[in-house]
């Protein structure tokens, strides 16, 4: 897991803590509107974190799909040696993407 994911998960835990604190805090010194603002902001932030963590999970898949699209385009290249060089390099990178030991 990379540092960005770890940081987002840490922020999410902090938001969860804020939600619990402001949702169930009975202190009269804090207005209900303020509490609601804090809870709503934390809920929104958690939704954004969920979205970005899921988006990150798809990066490698999206990268692989783009390589597949490029391999289709490469078929139109006229020079056979150049075309083979492109295909070989793209294929090697695809193998790395699918290699479990590399991930």
PDB file of N, CA and C in Angstrom:
ATOM      1  N   UNK A   1       0.848  -1.173   0.000  1.00  0.00           N
ATOM      2  CA  UNK A   1       0.000   0.000   0.000  1.00  0.00           C
ATOM      3  C   UNK A   1       0.896   1.240   0.000  1.00  0.00           C
ATOM      4  N   UNK A   2       0.575   2.210  -0.820  1.00  0.00           N
ATOM      5  CA  UNK A   2       1.444   3.372  -0.911  1.00  0.00           C
ATOM      6  C   UNK A   2       1.100   4.413   0.157  1.00  0.00           C
ATOM      7  N   UNK A   3       1.938   5.424   0.218  1.00  0.00           N
ATOM      8  CA  UNK A   3       1.773   6.444   1.258  1.00  0.00           C
ATOM      9  C   UNK A   3       0.475   7.223   1.109  1.00  0.00           C
ATOM     10  N   UNK A   4       0.045   7.459  -0.129  1.00  0.00           N
ATOM     11  CA  UNK A   4      -1.208   8.196  -0.340  1.00  0.00           C
ATOM     12  C   UNK A   4      -2.385   7.433   0.243  1.00  0.00           C
ATOM     13  N   UNK A   5      -2.438   6.139  -0.015  1.00  0.00           N
ATOM     14  CA  UNK A   5      -3.530   5.313   0.517  1.00  0.00           C
ATOM     15  C   UNK A   5      -3.503   5.300   2.035  1.00  0.00           C
ATOM     16  N   UNK A   6      -2.323   5.156   2.585  1.00  0.00           N
ATOM     17  CA  UNK A   6      -2.195   5.141   4.041  1.00  0.00           C
ATOM     18  C   UNK A   6      -2.658   6.468   4.640  1.00  0.00           C
ATOM     19  N   UNK A   7      -2.284   7.562   3.997  1.00  0.00           N
ATOM     20  CA  UNK A   7      -2.673   8.883   4.493  1.00  0.00           C
ATOM     21  C   UNK A   7      -4.188   9.057   4.412  1.00  0.00           C
ATOM     22  N   UNK A   8      -4.791   8.633   3.303  1.00  0.00           N
ATOM     23  CA  UNK A   8      -6.245   8.744   3.169  1.00  0.00           C
ATOM     24  C   UNK A   8      -6.964   7.891   4.204  1.00  0.00           C
ATOM     25  N   UNK A   9      -6.467   6.697   4.471  1.00  0.00           N
ATOM     26  CA  UNK A   9      -7.089   5.843   5.483  1.00  0.00           C
ATOM     27  C   UNK A   9      -6.943   6.447   6.875  1.00  0.00           C
ATOM     28  N   UNK A  10      -5.818   7.080   7.117  1.00  0.00           N
ATOM     29  CA  UNK A  10      -5.604   7.765   8.398  1.00  0.00           C
ATOM     30  C   UNK A  10      -6.599   8.929   8.542  1.00  0.00           C
ATOM     31  N   UNK A  11      -6.776   9.686   7.479  1.00  0.00           N
ATOM     32  CA  UNK A  11      -7.730  10.796   7.500  1.00  0.00           C
ATOM     33  C   UNK A  11      -9.147  10.269   7.712  1.00  0.00           C
ATOM     34  N   UNK A  12      -9.477   9.156   7.077  1.00  0.00           N
ATOM     35  CA  UNK A  12     -10.807   8.561   7.229  1.00  0.00           C
ATOM     36  C   UNK A  12     -11.067   8.166   8.681  1.00  0.00           C
ATOM     37  N   UNK A  13     -10.077   7.582   9.325  1.00  0.00           N
ATOM     38  CA  UNK A  13     -10.233   7.219  10.740  1.00  0.00           C
ATOM     39  C   UNK A  13     -10.451   8.472  11.597  1.00  0.00           C
ATOM     40  N   UNK A  14      -9.732   9.534  11.257  1.00  0.00           N
ATOM     41  CA  UNK A  14      -9.897  10.795  11.984  1.00  0.00           C
ATOM     42  C   UNK A  14     -11.312  11.342  11.777  1.00  0.00           C
ATOM     43  N   UNK A  15     -11.804  11.258  10.542  1.00  0.00           N
ATOM     44  CA  UNK A  15     -13.178  11.710  10.258  1.00  0.00           C
ATOM     45  C   UNK A  15     -14.191  10.881  11.041  1.00  0.00           C
ATOM     46  N   UNK A  16     -13.980   9.566  11.098  1.00  0.00           N
ATOM     47  CA  UNK A  16     -14.874   8.700  11.874  1.00  0.00           C
ATOM     48  C   UNK A  16     -14.894   9.115  13.341  1.00  0.00           C
ATOM     49  N   UNK A  17     -13.723   9.455  13.855  1.00  0.00           N
ATOM     50  CA  UNK A  17     -13.622   9.908  15.241  1.00  0.00           C
ATOM     51  C   UNK A  17     -14.402  11.211  15.434  1.00  0.00           C
ATOM     52  N   UNK A  18     -14.272  12.122  14.473  1.00  0.00           N
ATOM     53  CA  UNK A  18     -14.997  13.394  14.565  1.00  0.00           C
ATOM     54  C   UNK A  18     -16.502  13.178  14.475  1.00  0.00           C
ATOM     55  N   UNK A  19     -16.920  12.270  13.598  1.00  0.00           N
ATOM     56  CA  UNK A  19     -18.353  11.975  13.465  1.00  0.00           C
ATOM     57  C   UNK A  19     -18.909  11.496  14.797  1.00  0.00           C
ATOM     58  N   UNK A  20     -18.222  10.541  15.410  1.00  0.00           N
ATOM     59  CA  UNK A  20     -18.687  10.012  16.701  1.00  0.00           C
ATOM     60  C   UNK A  20     -18.718  11.102  17.765  1.00  0.00           C
ATOM     61  N   UNK A  21     -17.659  11.896  17.819  1.00  0.00           N
ATOM     62  CA  UNK A  21     -17.575  12.924  18.849  1.00  0.00           C
ATOM     63  C   UNK A  21     -18.697  13.948  18.707  1.00  0.00           C
ATOM     64  N   UNK A  22     -18.886  14.467  17.509  1.00  0.00           N
ATOM     65  CA  UNK A  22     -19.868  15.540  17.325  1.00  0.00           C
ATOM     66  C   UNK A  22     -21.302  15.033  17.243  1.00  0.00           C
ATOM     67  N   UNK A  23     -21.474  13.788  16.858  1.00  0.00           N
ATOM     68  CA  UNK A  23     -22.830  13.235  16.778  1.00  0.00           C
ATOM     69  C   UNK A  23     -23.372  12.927  18.176  1.00  0.00           C
ATOM     70  N   UNK A  24     -22.501  12.474  19.061  1.00  0.00           N
ATOM     71  CA  UNK A  24     -22.958  12.011  20.375  1.00  0.00           C
ATOM     72  C   UNK A  24     -22.487  12.901  21.519  1.00  0.00           C
ATOM     73  N   UNK A  25     -21.950  14.074  21.217  1.00  0.00           N
ATOM     74  CA  UNK A  25     -21.480  14.998  22.239  1.00  0.00           C
ATOM     75  C   UNK A  25     -22.669  15.792  22.770  1.00  0.00           C
ATOM     76  N   UNK A  26     -22.827  15.772  24.067  1.00  0.00           N
ATOM     77  CA  UNK A  26     -23.976  16.468  24.670  1.00  0.00           C
ATOM     78  C   UNK A  26     -23.574  17.783  25.330  1.00  0.00           C
ATOM     79  N   UNK A  27     -22.392  18.291  25.022  1.00  0.00           N
ATOM     80  CA  UNK A  27     -21.973  19.567  25.603  1.00  0.00           C
ATOM     81  C   UNK A  27     -22.845  20.690  25.061  1.00  0.00           C
ATOM     82  N   UNK A  28     -23.343  21.495  25.956  1.00  0.00           N
ATOM     83  CA  UNK A  28     -24.201  22.609  25.558  1.00  0.00           C
ATOM     84  C   UNK A  28     -23.406  23.783  24.997  1.00  0.00           C
ATOM     85  N   UNK A  29     -22.089  23.757  25.162  1.00  0.00           N
ATOM     86  CA  UNK A  29     -21.270  24.875  24.688  1.00  0.00           C
ATOM     87  C   UNK A  29     -21.073  24.837  23.170  1.00  0.00           C
ATOM     88  N   UNK A  30     -21.389  23.710  22.553  1.00  0.00           N
ATOM     89  CA  UNK A  30     -21.238  23.576  21.104  1.00  0.00           C
ATOM     90  C   UNK A  30     -22.628  23.581  20.478  1.00  0.00           C
ATOM     91  N   UNK A  31     -22.845  24.471  19.516  1.00  0.00           N
ATOM     92  CA  UNK A  31     -24.180  24.571  18.912  1.00  0.00           C
ATOM     93  C   UNK A  31     -24.480  23.341  18.052  1.00  0.00           C
ATOM     94  N   UNK A  32     -25.757  23.028  17.944  1.00  0.00           N
ATOM     95  CA  UNK A  32     -26.185  21.887  17.128  1.00  0.00           C
ATOM     96  C   UNK A  32     -25.818  22.087  15.660  1.00  0.00           C
ATOM     97  N   UNK A  33     -25.904  23.320  15.186  1.00  0.00           N
ATOM     98  CA  UNK A  33     -25.559  23.609  13.787  1.00  0.00           C
ATOM     99  C   UNK A  33     -24.069  23.367  13.537  1.00  0.00           C
ATOM    100  N   UNK A  34     -23.241  23.759  14.498  1.00  0.00           N
ATOM    101  CA  UNK A  34     -21.805  23.530  14.371  1.00  0.00           C
ATOM    102  C   UNK A  34     -21.517  22.035  14.322  1.00  0.00           C
ATOM    103  N   UNK A  35     -22.149  21.294  15.252  1.00  0.00           N
ATOM    104  CA  UNK A  35     -21.968  19.838  15.283  1.00  0.00           C
ATOM    105  C   UNK A  35     -22.385  19.218  13.956  1.00  0.00           C
ATOM    106  N   UNK A  36     -23.540  19.647  13.439  1.00  0.00           N
ATOM    107  CA  UNK A  36     -24.036  19.119  12.173  1.00  0.00           C
ATOM    108  C   UNK A  36     -23.054  19.428  11.040  1.00  0.00           C
ATOM    109  N   UNK A  37     -22.496  20.638  11.052  1.00  0.00           N
ATOM    110  CA  UNK A  37     -21.504  21.011  10.038  1.00  0.00           C
ATOM    111  C   UNK A  37     -20.282  20.113  10.081  1.00  0.00           C
ATOM    112  N   UNK A  38     -19.799  19.831  11.273  1.00  0.00           N
ATOM    113  CA  UNK A  38     -18.624  18.965  11.418  1.00  0.00           C
ATOM    114  C   UNK A  38     -18.937  17.546  10.957  1.00  0.00           C
ATOM    115  N   UNK A  39     -20.103  17.037  11.348  1.00  0.00           N
ATOM    116  CA  UNK A  39     -20.497  15.675  10.960  1.00  0.00           C
ATOM    117  C   UNK A  39     -20.680  15.592   9.450  1.00  0.00           C
ATOM    118  N   UNK A  40     -21.399  16.550   8.869  1.00  0.00           N
ATOM    119  CA  UNK A  40     -21.637  16.528   7.423  1.00  0.00           C
ATOM    120  C   UNK A  40     -20.330  16.618   6.638  1.00  0.00           C
ATOM    121  N   UNK A  41     -19.415  17.485   7.081  1.00  0.00           N
ATOM    122  CA  UNK A  41     -18.122  17.612   6.401  1.00  0.00           C
ATOM    123  C   UNK A  41     -17.333  16.308   6.495  1.00  0.00           C
ATOM    124  N   UNK A  42     -17.347  15.682   7.652  1.00  0.00           N
ATOM    125  CA  UNK A  42     -16.623  14.418   7.828  1.00  0.00           C
ATOM    126  C   UNK A  42     -17.230  13.305   6.983  1.00  0.00           C
ATOM    127  N   UNK A  43     -18.554  13.271   6.897  1.00  0.00           N
ATOM    128  CA  UNK A  43     -19.210  12.263   6.051  1.00  0.00           C
ATOM    129  C   UNK A  43     -18.842  12.477   4.582  1.00  0.00           C
ATOM    130  N   UNK A  44     -18.855  13.728   4.143  1.00  0.00           N
ATOM    131  CA  UNK A  44     -18.486  14.044   2.766  1.00  0.00           C
ATOM    132  C   UNK A  44     -17.033  13.657   2.492  1.00  0.00           C
ATOM    133  N   UNK A  45     -16.146  13.997   3.424  1.00  0.00           N
ATOM    134  CA  UNK A  45     -14.730  13.645   3.260  1.00  0.00           C
ATOM    135  C   UNK A  45     -14.547  12.133   3.164  1.00  0.00           C
ATOM    136  N   UNK A  46     -15.267  11.377   3.991  1.00  0.00           N
ATOM    137  CA  UNK A  46     -15.169   9.917   3.924  1.00  0.00           C
ATOM    138  C   UNK A  46     -15.650   9.385   2.579  1.00  0.00           C
ATOM    139  N   UNK A  47     -16.701   9.991   2.024  1.00  0.00           N
ATOM    140  CA  UNK A  47     -17.164   9.578   0.694  1.00  0.00           C
ATOM    141  C   UNK A  47     -16.102   9.861  -0.358  1.00  0.00           C
ATOM    142  N   UNK A  48     -15.444  11.014  -0.263  1.00  0.00           N
ATOM    143  CA  UNK A  48     -14.380  11.360  -1.210  1.00  0.00           C
ATOM    144  C   UNK A  48     -13.196  10.404  -1.075  1.00  0.00           C
ATOM    145  N   UNK A  49     -12.852  10.073   0.148  1.00  0.00           N
ATOM    146  CA  UNK A  49     -11.746   9.144   0.383  1.00  0.00           C
ATOM    147  C   UNK A  49     -12.069   7.793  -0.230  1.00  0.00           C
ATOM    148  N   UNK A  50     -13.283   7.317  -0.026  1.00  0.00           N
ATOM    149  CA  UNK A  50     -13.709   6.044  -0.612  1.00  0.00           C
ATOM    150  C   UNK A  50     -13.586   6.094  -2.137  1.00  0.00           C
ATOM    151  N   UNK A  51     -14.043   7.188  -2.732  1.00  0.00           N
ATOM    152  CA  UNK A  51     -13.969   7.361  -4.180  1.00  0.00           C
ATOM    153  C   UNK A  51     -12.522   7.307  -4.663  1.00  0.00           C
ATOM    154  N   UNK A  52     -11.629   8.043  -4.003  1.00  0.00           N
ATOM    155  CA  UNK A  52     -10.242   8.093  -4.446  1.00  0.00           C
ATOM    156  C   UNK A  52      -9.502   6.786  -4.201  1.00  0.00           C
ATOM    157  N   UNK A  53      -9.801   6.093  -3.111  1.00  0.00           N
ATOM    158  CA  UNK A  53      -9.165   4.793  -2.883  1.00  0.00           C
ATOM    159  C   UNK A  53      -9.597   3.793  -3.944  1.00  0.00           C
ATOM    160  N   UNK A  54     -10.868   3.808  -4.329  1.00  0.00           N
ATOM    161  CA  UNK A  54     -11.334   2.920  -5.395  1.00  0.00           C
ATOM    162  C   UNK A  54     -10.742   3.313  -6.738  1.00  0.00           C
ATOM    163  N   UNK A  55     -10.603   4.598  -6.954  1.00  0.00           N
ATOM    164  CA  UNK A  55     -10.004   5.075  -8.202  1.00  0.00           C
ATOM    165  C   UNK A  55      -8.554   4.595  -8.299  1.00  0.00           C
ATOM    166  N   UNK A  56      -7.851   4.644  -7.193  1.00  0.00           N
ATOM    167  CA  UNK A  56      -6.454   4.216  -7.174  1.00  0.00           C
ATOM    168  C   UNK A  56      -6.330   2.726  -7.487  1.00  0.00           C
ATOM    169  N   UNK A  57      -7.291   1.937  -7.001  1.00  0.00           N
ATOM    170  CA  UNK A  57      -7.250   0.496  -7.256  1.00  0.00           C
ATOM    171  C   UNK A  57      -7.348   0.193  -8.744  1.00  0.00           C
ATOM    172  N   UNK A  58      -7.964   1.091  -9.501  1.00  0.00           N
ATOM    173  CA  UNK A  58      -8.155   0.871 -10.930  1.00  0.00           C
ATOM    174  C   UNK A  58      -7.018   1.416 -11.791  1.00  0.00           C
ATOM    175  N   UNK A  59      -6.050   2.109 -11.208  1.00  0.00           N
ATOM    176  CA  UNK A  59      -4.973   2.695 -11.996  1.00  0.00           C
ATOM    177  C   UNK A  59      -4.241   1.665 -12.840  1.00  0.00           C
ATOM    178  N   UNK A  60      -3.844   0.572 -12.235  1.00  0.00           N
ATOM    179  CA  UNK A  60      -3.075  -0.441 -12.949  1.00  0.00           C
ATOM    180  C   UNK A  60      -3.908  -1.075 -14.054  1.00  0.00           C
ATOM    181  N   UNK A  61      -5.168  -1.331 -13.772  1.00  0.00           N
ATOM    182  CA  UNK A  61      -6.061  -1.885 -14.791  1.00  0.00           C
ATOM    183  C   UNK A  61      -6.214  -0.896 -15.953  1.00  0.00           C
ATOM    184  N   UNK A  62      -6.418   0.364 -15.638  1.00  0.00           N
ATOM    185  CA  UNK A  62      -6.563   1.388 -16.676  1.00  0.00           C
ATOM    186  C   UNK A  62      -5.289   1.521 -17.502  1.00  0.00           C
ATOM    187  N   UNK A  63      -4.147   1.437 -16.850  1.00  0.00           N
ATOM    188  CA  UNK A  63      -2.860   1.498 -17.538  1.00  0.00           C
ATOM    189  C   UNK A  63      -2.727   0.329 -18.510  1.00  0.00           C
ATOM    190  N   UNK A  64      -3.094  -0.860 -18.058  1.00  0.00           N
ATOM    191  CA  UNK A  64      -3.052  -2.054 -18.905  1.00  0.00           C
ATOM    192  C   UNK A  64      -3.990  -1.899 -20.104  1.00  0.00           C
ATOM    193  N   UNK A  65      -5.170  -1.360 -19.881  1.00  0.00           N
ATOM    194  CA  UNK A  65      -6.124  -1.142 -20.977  1.00  0.00           C
ATOM    195  C   UNK A  65      -5.572  -0.156 -22.003  1.00  0.00           C
ATOM    196  N   UNK A  66      -4.878   0.866 -21.534  1.00  0.00           N
ATOM    197  CA  UNK A  66      -4.281   1.835 -22.460  1.00  0.00           C
ATOM    198  C   UNK A  66      -3.181   1.176 -23.295  1.00  0.00           C
ATOM    199  N   UNK A  67      -2.409   0.298 -22.682  1.00  0.00           N
ATOM    200  CA  UNK A  67      -1.386  -0.434 -23.442  1.00  0.00           C
ATOM    201  C   UNK A  67      -2.049  -1.289 -24.516  1.00  0.00           C
ATOM    202  N   UNK A  68      -3.150  -1.942 -24.178  1.00  0.00           N
ATOM    203  CA  UNK A  68      -3.876  -2.749 -25.171  1.00  0.00           C
ATOM    204  C   UNK A  68      -4.340  -1.885 -26.339  1.00  0.00           C
ATOM    205  N   UNK A  69      -4.836  -0.694 -26.042  1.00  0.00           N
ATOM    206  CA  UNK A  69      -5.282   0.212 -27.115  1.00  0.00           C
ATOM    207  C   UNK A  69      -4.106   0.630 -27.996  1.00  0.00           C
ATOM    208  N   UNK A  70      -2.971   0.877 -27.371  1.00  0.00           N
ATOM    209  CA  UNK A  70      -1.792   1.270 -28.142  1.00  0.00           C
ATOM    210  C   UNK A  70      -1.306   0.128 -29.030  1.00  0.00           C
ATOM    211  N   UNK A  71      -1.404  -1.091 -28.526  1.00  0.00           N
ATOM    212  CA  UNK A  71      -0.984  -2.244 -29.333  1.00  0.00           C
ATOM    213  C   UNK A  71      -1.856  -2.385 -30.578  1.00  0.00           C
ATOM    214  N   UNK A  72      -3.114  -2.048 -30.469  1.00  0.00           N
ATOM    215  CA  UNK A  72      -4.004  -2.079 -31.636  1.00  0.00           C
ATOM    216  C   UNK A  72      -3.580  -0.999 -32.633  1.00  0.00           C
ATOM    217  N   UNK A  73      -3.261   0.191 -32.144  1.00  0.00           N
ATOM    218  CA  UNK A  73      -2.825   1.283 -33.019  1.00  0.00           C
ATOM    219  C   UNK A  73      -1.505   0.962 -33.710  1.00  0.00           C
ATOM    220  N   UNK A  74      -0.627   0.260 -33.011  1.00  0.00           N
ATOM    221  CA  UNK A  74       0.695  -0.063 -33.546  1.00  0.00           C
ATOM    222  C   UNK A  74       0.595  -0.959 -34.783  1.00  0.00           C
ATOM    223  N   UNK A  75      -0.474  -1.696 -34.898  1.00  0.00           N
ATOM    224  CA  UNK A  75      -0.642  -2.583 -36.054  1.00  0.00           C
ATOM    225  C   UNK A  75      -0.623  -1.812 -37.370  1.00  0.00           C
ATOM    226  N   UNK A  76      -0.890  -0.515 -37.342  1.00  0.00           N
ATOM    227  CA  UNK A  76      -0.903   0.309 -38.548  1.00  0.00           C
ATOM    228  C   UNK A  76       0.469   0.863 -38.919  1.00  0.00           C
ATOM    229  N   UNK A  77       1.467   0.642 -38.075  1.00  0.00           N
ATOM    230  CA  UNK A  77       2.816   1.136 -38.358  1.00  0.00           C
ATOM    231  C   UNK A  77       3.392   0.351 -39.535  1.00  0.00           C
ATOM    232  N   UNK A  78       3.980   1.081 -40.481  1.00  0.00           N
ATOM    233  CA  UNK A  78       4.476   0.454 -41.715  1.00  0.00           C
ATOM    234  C   UNK A  78       5.809  -0.268 -41.527  1.00  0.00           C
ATOM    235  N   UNK A  79       6.755   0.355 -40.863  1.00  0.00           N
ATOM    236  CA  UNK A  79       8.087  -0.235 -40.718  1.00  0.00           C
ATOM    237  C   UNK A  79       8.017  -1.447 -39.797  1.00  0.00           C
ATOM    238  N   UNK A  80       8.313  -2.661 -40.316  1.00  0.00           N
ATOM    239  CA  UNK A  80       8.149  -3.875 -39.505  1.00  0.00           C
ATOM    240  C   UNK A  80       9.086  -3.947 -38.300  1.00  0.00           C
ATOM    241  N   UNK A  81      10.317  -3.470 -38.433  1.00  0.00           N
ATOM    242  CA  UNK A  81      11.253  -3.524 -37.303  1.00  0.00           C
ATOM    243  C   UNK A  81      10.824  -2.570 -36.193  1.00  0.00           C
ATOM    244  N   UNK A  82      10.438  -1.368 -36.593  1.00  0.00           N
ATOM    245  CA  UNK A  82       9.966  -0.388 -35.616  1.00  0.00           C
ATOM    246  C   UNK A  82       8.703  -0.898 -34.929  1.00  0.00           C
ATOM    247  N   UNK A  83       7.783  -1.436 -35.712  1.00  0.00           N
ATOM    248  CA  UNK A  83       6.532  -1.966 -35.171  1.00  0.00           C
ATOM    249  C   UNK A  83       6.816  -3.083 -34.176  1.00  0.00           C
ATOM    250  N   UNK A  84       7.732  -3.982 -34.511  1.00  0.00           N
ATOM    251  CA  UNK A  84       8.042  -5.092 -33.609  1.00  0.00           C
ATOM    252  C   UNK A  84       8.679  -4.587 -32.318  1.00  0.00           C
ATOM    253  N   UNK A  85       9.527  -3.551 -32.428  1.00  0.00           N
ATOM    254  CA  UNK A  85      10.121  -2.958 -31.229  1.00  0.00           C
ATOM    255  C   UNK A  85       9.061  -2.378 -30.304  1.00  0.00           C
ATOM    256  N   UNK A  86       8.089  -1.689 -30.890  1.00  0.00           N
ATOM    257  CA  UNK A  86       6.989  -1.136 -30.094  1.00  0.00           C
ATOM    258  C   UNK A  86       6.192  -2.246 -29.416  1.00  0.00           C
ATOM    259  N   UNK A  87       5.830  -3.258 -30.192  1.00  0.00           N
ATOM    260  CA  UNK A  87       5.024  -4.363 -29.656  1.00  0.00           C
ATOM    261  C   UNK A  87       5.773  -5.100 -28.550  1.00  0.00           C
ATOM    262  N   UNK A  88       7.069  -5.372 -28.772  1.00  0.00           N
ATOM    263  CA  UNK A  88       7.852  -6.090 -27.761  1.00  0.00           C
ATOM    264  C   UNK A  88       7.916  -5.314 -26.446  1.00  0.00           C
ATOM    265  N   UNK A  89       8.161  -4.003 -26.543  1.00  0.00           N
ATOM    266  CA  UNK A  89       8.263  -3.197 -25.318  1.00  0.00           C
ATOM    267  C   UNK A  89       6.923  -3.133 -24.591  1.00  0.00           C
ATOM    268  N   UNK A  90       5.850  -2.924 -25.324  1.00  0.00           N
ATOM    269  CA  UNK A  90       4.525  -2.889 -24.702  1.00  0.00           C
ATOM    270  C   UNK A  90       4.180  -4.232 -24.063  1.00  0.00           C
ATOM    271  N   UNK A  91       4.561  -5.319 -24.719  1.00  0.00           N
ATOM    272  CA  UNK A  91       4.280  -6.660 -24.189  1.00  0.00           C
ATOM    273  C   UNK A  91       5.060  -6.933 -22.910  1.00  0.00           C
ATOM    274  N   UNK A  92       6.308  -6.495 -22.876  1.00  0.00           N
ATOM    275  CA  UNK A  92       7.129  -6.692 -21.671  1.00  0.00           C
ATOM    276  C   UNK A  92       6.503  -5.954 -20.486  1.00  0.00           C
ATOM    277  N   UNK A  93       6.047  -4.737 -20.724  1.00  0.00           N
ATOM    278  CA  UNK A  93       5.427  -3.970 -19.644  1.00  0.00           C
ATOM    279  C   UNK A  93       4.121  -4.625 -19.206  1.00  0.00           C
ATOM    280  N   UNK A  94       3.360  -5.151 -20.147  1.00  0.00           N
ATOM    281  CA  UNK A  94       2.126  -5.862 -19.778  1.00  0.00           C
ATOM    282  C   UNK A  94       2.440  -7.084 -18.926  1.00  0.00           C
ATOM    283  N   UNK A  95       3.508  -7.790 -19.256  1.00  0.00           N
ATOM    284  CA  UNK A  95       3.901  -8.946 -18.443  1.00  0.00           C
ATOM    285  C   UNK A  95       4.225  -8.503 -17.021  1.00  0.00           C
ATOM    286  N   UNK A  96       4.909  -7.370 -16.878  1.00  0.00           N
ATOM    287  CA  UNK A  96       5.218  -6.855 -15.537  1.00  0.00           C
ATOM    288  C   UNK A  96       3.936  -6.515 -14.776  1.00  0.00           C
ATOM    289  N   UNK A  97       2.973  -5.955 -15.472  1.00  0.00           N
ATOM    290  CA  UNK A  97       1.700  -5.610 -14.831  1.00  0.00           C
ATOM    291  C   UNK A  97       1.018  -6.859 -14.292  1.00  0.00           C
ATOM    292  N   UNK A  98       1.088  -7.941 -15.044  1.00  0.00           N
ATOM    293  CA  UNK A  98       0.382  -9.168 -14.668  1.00  0.00           C
ATOM    294  C   UNK A  98       1.222 -10.097 -13.791  1.00  0.00           C
ATOM    295  N   UNK A  99       2.511  -9.790 -13.624  1.00  0.00           N
ATOM    296  CA  UNK A  99       3.401 -10.621 -12.813  1.00  0.00           C
ATOM    297  C   UNK A  99       3.115 -10.375 -11.334  1.00  0.00           C
ATOM    298  N   UNK A 100       2.653 -11.383 -10.641  1.00  0.00           N
ATOM    299  CA  UNK A 100       2.297 -11.240  -9.220  1.00  0.00           C
ATOM    300  C   UNK A 100       3.510 -10.921  -8.356  1.00  0.00           C
ATOM    301  N   UNK A 101       4.680 -11.424  -8.732  1.00  0.00           N
ATOM    302  CA  UNK A 101       5.877 -11.161  -7.941  1.00  0.00           C
ATOM    303  C   UNK A 101       6.322  -9.707  -8.065  1.00  0.00           C
ATOM    304  N   UNK A 102       5.993  -9.072  -9.174  1.00  0.00           N
ATOM    305  CA  UNK A 102       6.387  -7.682  -9.410  1.00  0.00           C
ATOM    306  C   UNK A 102       5.499  -6.718  -8.632  1.00  0.00           C
ATOM    307  N   UNK A 103       4.233  -7.088  -8.403  1.00  0.00           N
ATOM    308  CA  UNK A 103       3.268  -6.200  -7.735  1.00  0.00           C
ATOM    309  C   UNK A 103       3.493  -6.140  -6.256  1.00  0.00           C
TER     310      UNK A 103
END
